[in-house]
PDB file of N, CA and C in Angstrom:
ATOM      1  N   MET A   1      -7.857 -22.260-242.298  1.00  0.00           N
ATOM      2  CA  MET A   1      -9.636 -21.998-241.978  1.00  0.00           C
ATOM      3  C   MET A   1     -10.399 -23.353-241.637  1.00  0.00           C
ATOM      4  N   SER A   2     -11.047 -23.256-240.730  1.00  0.00           N
ATOM      5  CA  SER A   2     -12.140 -23.830-240.053  1.00  0.00           C
ATOM      6  C   SER A   2     -13.624 -23.414-240.102  1.00  0.00           C
ATOM      7  N   LEU A   3     -14.026 -23.859-240.719  1.00  0.00           N
ATOM      8  CA  LEU A   3     -15.910 -23.970-240.979  1.00  0.00           C
ATOM      9  C   LEU A   3     -16.453 -24.307-239.325  1.00  0.00           C
ATOM     10  N   PHE A   4     -17.275 -23.699-238.725  1.00  0.00           N
ATOM     11  CA  PHE A   4     -18.392 -24.328-237.462  1.00  0.00           C
ATOM     12  C   PHE A   4     -19.976 -23.417-237.723  1.00  0.00           C
ATOM     13  N   ARG A   5     -20.167 -24.219-236.809  1.00  0.00           N
ATOM     14  CA  ARG A   5     -21.919 -23.104-236.673  1.00  0.00           C
ATOM     15  C   ARG A   5     -22.371 -22.756-235.654  1.00  0.00           C
ATOM     16  N   SER A   6     -21.444 -22.451-234.818  1.00  0.00           N
ATOM     17  CA  SER A   6     -21.642 -21.317-234.189  1.00  0.00           C
ATOM     18  C   SER A   6     -20.469 -20.813-233.302  1.00  0.00           C
ATOM     19  N   GLU A   7     -20.634 -20.124-232.370  1.00  0.00           N
ATOM     20  CA  GLU A   7     -19.088 -19.552-232.138  1.00  0.00           C
ATOM     21  C   GLU A   7     -18.928 -20.700-230.707  1.00  0.00           C
ATOM     22  N   GLU A   8     -20.138 -20.918-230.089  1.00  0.00           N
ATOM     23  CA  GLU A   8     -19.686 -21.937-228.843  1.00  0.00           C
ATOM     24  C   GLU A   8     -19.098 -23.032-229.904  1.00  0.00           C
ATOM     25  N   HIS A   9     -19.427 -23.356-230.860  1.00  0.00           N
ATOM     26  CA  HIS A   9     -18.910 -24.608-231.384  1.00  0.00           C
ATOM     27  C   HIS A   9     -17.985 -24.598-231.851  1.00  0.00           C
ATOM     28  N   VAL A  10     -17.242 -23.363-231.679  1.00  0.00           N
ATOM     29  CA  VAL A  10     -15.747 -23.583-232.052  1.00  0.00           C
ATOM     30  C   VAL A  10     -15.520 -23.168-231.020  1.00  0.00           C
ATOM     31  N   ARG A  11     -15.664 -23.201-229.554  1.00  0.00           N
ATOM     32  CA  ARG A  11     -14.868 -22.637-227.930  1.00  0.00           C
ATOM     33  C   ARG A  11     -14.798 -24.447-227.972  1.00  0.00           C
ATOM     34  N   ARG A  12     -15.618 -25.154-228.058  1.00  0.00           N
ATOM     35  CA  ARG A  12     -15.785 -25.911-227.600  1.00  0.00           C
ATOM     36  C   ARG A  12     -14.419 -27.217-228.429  1.00  0.00           C
ATOM     37  N   TRP A  13     -14.625 -26.710-229.995  1.00  0.00           N
ATOM     38  CA  TRP A  13     -13.676 -27.621-230.787  1.00  0.00           C
ATOM     39  C   TRP A  13     -12.361 -27.255-230.041  1.00  0.00           C
ATOM     40  N   ALA A  14     -12.020 -25.678-229.736  1.00  0.00           N
ATOM     41  CA  ALA A  14     -10.856 -25.485-228.819  1.00  0.00           C
ATOM     42  C   ALA A  14     -10.433 -26.123-228.337  1.00  0.00           C
ATOM     43  N   ARG A  15     -11.529 -26.096-226.969  1.00  0.00           N
ATOM     44  CA  ARG A  15     -10.995 -26.957-225.327  1.00  0.00           C
ATOM     45  C   ARG A  15     -10.544 -27.933-225.566  1.00  0.00           C
ATOM     46  N   ALA A  16     -11.503 -28.818-226.505  1.00  0.00           N
ATOM     47  CA  ALA A  16     -11.692 -30.126-226.865  1.00  0.00           C
ATOM     48  C   ALA A  16     -10.283 -31.057-227.491  1.00  0.00           C
ATOM     49  N   ASN A  17      -9.830 -29.610-227.987  1.00  0.00           N
ATOM     50  CA  ASN A  17      -8.345 -30.183-229.567  1.00  0.00           C
ATOM     51  C   ASN A  17      -6.762 -29.256-228.676  1.00  0.00           C
ATOM     52  N   ASP A  18      -7.413 -28.868-227.196  1.00  0.00           N
ATOM     53  CA  ASP A  18      -6.254 -28.065-227.005  1.00  0.00           C
ATOM     54  C   ASP A  18      -5.556 -26.721-228.030  1.00  0.00           C
ATOM     55  N   ARG A  19      -6.542 -26.591-228.784  1.00  0.00           N
ATOM     56  CA  ARG A  19      -5.947 -25.160-229.724  1.00  0.00           C
ATOM     57  C   ARG A  19      -6.864 -23.649-228.726  1.00  0.00           C
ATOM     58  N   GLY A  20      -5.647 -23.256-229.376  1.00  0.00           N
ATOM     59  CA  GLY A  20      -6.153 -22.294-229.198  1.00  0.00           C
ATOM     60  C   GLY A  20      -7.044 -21.080-230.548  1.00  0.00           C
ATOM     61  N   LEU A  21      -7.468 -19.705-229.304  1.00  0.00           N
ATOM     62  CA  LEU A  21      -8.580 -19.589-230.335  1.00  0.00           C
ATOM     63  C   LEU A  21      -7.389 -17.845-231.432  1.00  0.00           C
ATOM     64  N   GLY A  22      -8.107 -18.023-232.445  1.00  0.00           N
ATOM     65  CA  GLY A  22      -7.454 -17.233-233.486  1.00  0.00           C
ATOM     66  C   GLY A  22      -8.413 -16.096-233.940  1.00  0.00           C
ATOM     67  N   ALA A  23      -8.873 -15.740-234.478  1.00  0.00           N
ATOM     68  CA  ALA A  23     -10.298 -14.840-234.833  1.00  0.00           C
ATOM     69  C   ALA A  23     -11.172 -15.588-235.264  1.00  0.00           C
ATOM     70  N   ILE A  24     -12.270 -15.350-235.020  1.00  0.00           N
ATOM     71  CA  ILE A  24     -14.280 -15.787-235.331  1.00  0.00           C
ATOM     72  C   ILE A  24     -15.009 -15.136-236.031  1.00  0.00           C
ATOM     73  N   VAL A  25     -14.503 -15.111-237.327  1.00  0.00           N
ATOM     74  CA  VAL A  25     -15.396 -14.414-238.171  1.00  0.00           C
ATOM     75  C   VAL A  25     -16.480 -14.934-238.747  1.00  0.00           C
ATOM     76  N   PRO A  26     -17.608 -14.280-239.334  1.00  0.00           N
ATOM     77  CA  PRO A  26     -18.219 -15.279-239.965  1.00  0.00           C
ATOM     78  C   PRO A  26     -18.418 -14.954-240.932  1.00  0.00           C
ATOM     79  N   LEU A  27     -18.813 -15.922-241.800  1.00  0.00           N
ATOM     80  CA  LEU A  27     -18.751 -16.381-243.210  1.00  0.00           C
ATOM     81  C   LEU A  27     -18.911 -15.438-244.121  1.00  0.00           C
ATOM     82  N   ALA A  28     -20.050 -14.707-243.698  1.00  0.00           N
ATOM     83  CA  ALA A  28     -20.099 -13.458-244.793  1.00  0.00           C
ATOM     84  C   ALA A  28     -19.071 -12.257-245.103  1.00  0.00           C
ATOM     85  N   ARG A  29     -18.504 -11.961-243.811  1.00  0.00           N
ATOM     86  CA  ARG A  29     -17.145 -11.776-244.005  1.00  0.00           C
ATOM     87  C   ARG A  29     -15.823 -11.821-244.616  1.00  0.00           C
ATOM     88  N   VAL A  30     -15.861 -13.219-244.617  1.00  0.00           N
ATOM     89  CA  VAL A  30     -14.820 -14.233-244.889  1.00  0.00           C
ATOM     90  C   VAL A  30     -14.769 -14.076-246.731  1.00  0.00           C
ATOM     91  N   TRP A  31     -16.315 -14.015-247.040  1.00  0.00           N
ATOM     92  CA  TRP A  31     -16.857 -14.285-248.444  1.00  0.00           C
ATOM     93  C   TRP A  31     -15.902 -12.375-248.923  1.00  0.00           C
ATOM     94  N   ALA A  32     -17.412 -11.546-248.269  1.00  0.00           N
ATOM     95  CA  ALA A  32     -16.601 -10.173-248.352  1.00  0.00           C
ATOM     96  C   ALA A  32     -15.074  -9.908-248.621  1.00  0.00           C
ATOM     97  N   LEU A  33     -14.334 -10.322-248.043  1.00  0.00           N
ATOM     98  CA  LEU A  33     -12.981 -10.562-248.339  1.00  0.00           C
ATOM     99  C   LEU A  33     -12.324 -11.058-249.354  1.00  0.00           C
ATOM    100  N   ALA A  34     -12.936 -12.136-249.645  1.00  0.00           N
ATOM    101  CA  ALA A  34     -12.455 -12.633-250.491  1.00  0.00           C
ATOM    102  C   ALA A  34     -12.347 -12.370-251.652  1.00  0.00           C
ATOM    103  N   LYS A  35     -13.485 -11.562-252.265  1.00  0.00           N
ATOM    104  CA  LYS A  35     -14.543 -11.015-253.391  1.00  0.00           C
ATOM    105  C   LYS A  35     -13.597  -9.543-253.133  1.00  0.00           C
ATOM    106  N   ALA A  36     -12.865  -9.096-252.611  1.00  0.00           N
ATOM    107  CA  ALA A  36     -12.080  -7.435-252.842  1.00  0.00           C
ATOM    108  C   ALA A  36     -10.718  -7.805-252.749  1.00  0.00           C
ATOM    109  N   TRP A  37     -10.185  -9.015-251.730  1.00  0.00           N
ATOM    110  CA  TRP A  37      -8.882  -9.260-251.570  1.00  0.00           C
ATOM    111  C   TRP A  37      -8.352  -9.931-253.281  1.00  0.00           C
ATOM    112  N   TYR A  38      -9.131 -11.211-254.054  1.00  0.00           N
ATOM    113  CA  TYR A  38      -8.353 -11.502-255.283  1.00  0.00           C
ATOM    114  C   TYR A  38      -8.856 -11.262-256.257  1.00  0.00           C
ATOM    115  N   THR A  39      -8.215 -10.460-256.819  1.00  0.00           N
ATOM    116  CA  THR A  39      -8.570  -9.846-258.069  1.00  0.00           C
ATOM    117  C   THR A  39      -7.783 -10.455-259.143  1.00  0.00           C
ATOM    118  N   ASP A  40      -8.027 -10.462-260.567  1.00  0.00           N
ATOM    119  CA  ASP A  40      -7.754 -10.381-261.963  1.00  0.00           C
ATOM    120  C   ASP A  40      -6.046 -10.321-262.395  1.00  0.00           C
ATOM    121  N   PRO A  41      -5.155 -10.777-262.004  1.00  0.00           N
ATOM    122  CA  PRO A  41      -3.704 -10.071-262.144  1.00  0.00           C
ATOM    123  C   PRO A  41      -3.511 -10.248-263.778  1.00  0.00           C
ATOM    124  N   ARG A  42      -4.506 -10.845-264.326  1.00  0.00           N
ATOM    125  CA  ARG A  42      -4.533 -10.259-266.191  1.00  0.00           C
ATOM    126  C   ARG A  42      -5.174  -9.401-266.557  1.00  0.00           C
ATOM    127  N   ARG A  43      -5.665  -8.558-265.903  1.00  0.00           N
ATOM    128  CA  ARG A  43      -6.426  -6.881-266.361  1.00  0.00           C
ATOM    129  C   ARG A  43      -4.841  -6.158-266.448  1.00  0.00           C
ATOM    130  N   ARG A  44      -4.951  -5.357-267.529  1.00  0.00           N
ATOM    131  CA  ARG A  44      -3.751  -4.338-267.854  1.00  0.00           C
ATOM    132  C   ARG A  44      -3.387  -3.478-266.386  1.00  0.00           C
ATOM    133  N   ASP A  45      -3.732  -3.369-265.688  1.00  0.00           N
ATOM    134  CA  ASP A  45      -4.551  -2.250-264.652  1.00  0.00           C
ATOM    135  C   ASP A  45      -3.351  -3.154-263.604  1.00  0.00           C
ATOM    136  N   TRP A  46      -4.039  -4.196-263.161  1.00  0.00           N
ATOM    137  CA  TRP A  46      -3.402  -4.822-262.159  1.00  0.00           C
ATOM    138  C   TRP A  46      -2.175  -4.186-261.615  1.00  0.00           C
ATOM    139  N   ARG A  47      -1.419  -4.530-260.659  1.00  0.00           N
ATOM    140  CA  ARG A  47      -0.306  -4.194-260.057  1.00  0.00           C
ATOM    141  C   ARG A  47      -0.413  -5.247-258.515  1.00  0.00           C
ATOM    142  N   PRO A  48       0.522  -5.519-257.720  1.00  0.00           N
ATOM    143  CA  PRO A  48       0.576  -6.252-256.471  1.00  0.00           C
ATOM    144  C   PRO A  48       0.125  -4.931-255.047  1.00  0.00           C
ATOM    145  N   ARG A  49      -0.821  -5.494-254.327  1.00  0.00           N
ATOM    146  CA  ARG A  49      -1.309  -3.932-253.847  1.00  0.00           C
ATOM    147  C   ARG A  49       0.031  -4.334-252.425  1.00  0.00           C
ATOM    148  N   THR A  50      -0.115  -2.493-252.303  1.00  0.00           N
ATOM    149  CA  THR A  50       0.810  -2.507-250.810  1.00  0.00           C
ATOM    150  C   THR A  50       0.893  -2.772-250.154  1.00  0.00           C
ATOM    151  N   ARG A  51       1.786  -2.797-248.963  1.00  0.00           N
ATOM    152  CA  ARG A  51       1.183  -3.001-247.331  1.00  0.00           C
ATOM    153  C   ARG A  51      -0.036  -2.488-246.500  1.00  0.00           C
ATOM    154  N   ASP A  52       0.187  -1.407-247.177  1.00  0.00           N
ATOM    155  CA  ASP A  52      -0.798   0.035-246.327  1.00  0.00           C
ATOM    156  C   ASP A  52      -2.388  -0.172-247.015  1.00  0.00           C
ATOM    157  N   GLU A  53      -2.036  -0.875-248.188  1.00  0.00           N
ATOM    158  CA  GLU A  53      -3.395  -0.731-249.358  1.00  0.00           C
ATOM    159  C   GLU A  53      -3.799  -2.089-248.724  1.00  0.00           C
ATOM    160  N   SER A  54      -3.408  -3.298-248.724  1.00  0.00           N
ATOM    161  CA  SER A  54      -4.113  -4.811-247.382  1.00  0.00           C
ATOM    162  C   SER A  54      -4.803  -4.307-246.304  1.00  0.00           C
ATOM    163  N   GLN A  55      -3.629  -3.753-245.844  1.00  0.00           N
ATOM    164  CA  GLN A  55      -4.183  -3.372-244.239  1.00  0.00           C
ATOM    165  C   GLN A  55      -5.655  -2.382-244.423  1.00  0.00           C
ATOM    166  N   ALA A  56      -6.024  -1.338-245.678  1.00  0.00           N
ATOM    167  CA  ALA A  56      -7.080  -1.176-245.535  1.00  0.00           C
ATOM    168  C   ALA A  56      -8.596  -1.779-245.836  1.00  0.00           C
ATOM    169  N   LEU A  57      -7.642  -2.652-246.811  1.00  0.00           N
ATOM    170  CA  LEU A  57      -9.145  -3.262-247.787  1.00  0.00           C
ATOM    171  C   LEU A  57      -9.450  -4.450-246.399  1.00  0.00           C
ATOM    172  N   LEU A  58      -8.360  -4.373-245.626  1.00  0.00           N
ATOM    173  CA  LEU A  58      -8.729  -5.646-244.521  1.00  0.00           C
ATOM    174  C   LEU A  58      -9.989  -5.240-243.710  1.00  0.00           C
ATOM    175  N   ALA A  59      -9.520  -3.350-242.482  1.00  0.00           N
ATOM    176  CA  ALA A  59     -10.012  -2.836-242.423  1.00  0.00           C
ATOM    177  C   ALA A  59     -11.827  -2.245-243.245  1.00  0.00           C
ATOM    178  N   SER A  60     -11.592  -2.838-244.129  1.00  0.00           N
ATOM    179  CA  SER A  60     -12.613  -2.383-244.869  1.00  0.00           C
ATOM    180  C   SER A  60     -13.719  -2.925-245.039  1.00  0.00           C
ATOM    181  N   VAL A  61     -13.836  -4.428-244.900  1.00  0.00           N
ATOM    182  CA  VAL A  61     -14.729  -5.482-244.161  1.00  0.00           C
ATOM    183  C   VAL A  61     -14.932  -5.570-243.134  1.00  0.00           C
ATOM    184  N   GLY A  62     -13.686  -4.561-242.255  1.00  0.00           N
ATOM    185  CA  GLY A  62     -14.441  -5.099-241.054  1.00  0.00           C
ATOM    186  C   GLY A  62     -13.601  -6.179-240.177  1.00  0.00           C
ATOM    187  N   LEU A  63     -12.252  -5.824-240.486  1.00  0.00           N
ATOM    188  CA  LEU A  63     -11.809  -6.885-240.119  1.00  0.00           C
ATOM    189  C   LEU A  63     -10.069  -5.886-239.095  1.00  0.00           C
ATOM    190  N   THR A  64     -10.504  -5.620-237.376  1.00  0.00           N
ATOM    191  CA  THR A  64      -9.547  -4.860-237.652  1.00  0.00           C
ATOM    192  C   THR A  64      -9.129  -5.557-236.264  1.00  0.00           C
ATOM    193  N   GLY A  65      -8.190  -4.502-235.431  1.00  0.00           N
ATOM    194  CA  GLY A  65      -7.167  -5.610-234.436  1.00  0.00           C
ATOM    195  C   GLY A  65      -6.425  -5.723-234.469  1.00  0.00           C
ATOM    196  N   ALA A  66      -5.800  -6.442-233.209  1.00  0.00           N
ATOM    197  CA  ALA A  66      -4.230  -6.893-233.356  1.00  0.00           C
ATOM    198  C   ALA A  66      -3.907  -7.605-234.178  1.00  0.00           C
ATOM    199  N   PHE A  67      -4.579  -8.934-233.804  1.00  0.00           N
ATOM    200  CA  PHE A  67      -4.356  -9.953-235.222  1.00  0.00           C
ATOM    201  C   PHE A  67      -4.951  -9.569-236.572  1.00  0.00           C
ATOM    202  N   TRP A  68      -5.382  -8.707-237.381  1.00  0.00           N
ATOM    203  CA  TRP A  68      -5.392  -8.290-237.868  1.00  0.00           C
ATOM    204  C   TRP A  68      -4.628  -7.576-239.000  1.00  0.00           C
ATOM    205  N   GLN A  69      -3.256  -6.816-237.575  1.00  0.00           N
ATOM    206  CA  GLN A  69      -2.677  -6.000-238.057  1.00  0.00           C
ATOM    207  C   GLN A  69      -1.434  -6.980-238.946  1.00  0.00           C
ATOM    208  N   LEU A  70      -1.028  -6.308-240.075  1.00  0.00           N
ATOM    209  CA  LEU A  70      -0.370  -6.686-241.351  1.00  0.00           C
ATOM    210  C   LEU A  70       0.887  -6.404-240.488  1.00  0.00           C
ATOM    211  N   PRO A  71       2.009  -7.129-240.644  1.00  0.00           N
ATOM    212  CA  PRO A  71       3.580  -7.016-240.420  1.00  0.00           C
ATOM    213  C   PRO A  71       4.752  -5.368-241.282  1.00  0.00           C
ATOM    214  N   THR A  72       5.036  -4.806-240.312  1.00  0.00           N
ATOM    215  CA  THR A  72       5.524  -3.966-241.035  1.00  0.00           C
ATOM    216  C   THR A  72       6.490  -3.950-241.608  1.00  0.00           C
TER     217      THR A  72
END
């Protein structure tokens, strides 16, 4: 993950460094994902998330589309 000040900055950097674009996500959305994704495995009720639960979690913070599709 790289942080940039704007989408245009990302696009200029990608062109200048001959890189393709993946997903451009606002920092607030990345933070929302981190808060939802990382839970405390020391909790008694913790269990690994299923693929479908993980996919639903991504969608719940607005990360949808082909880039965010988890493998089946």
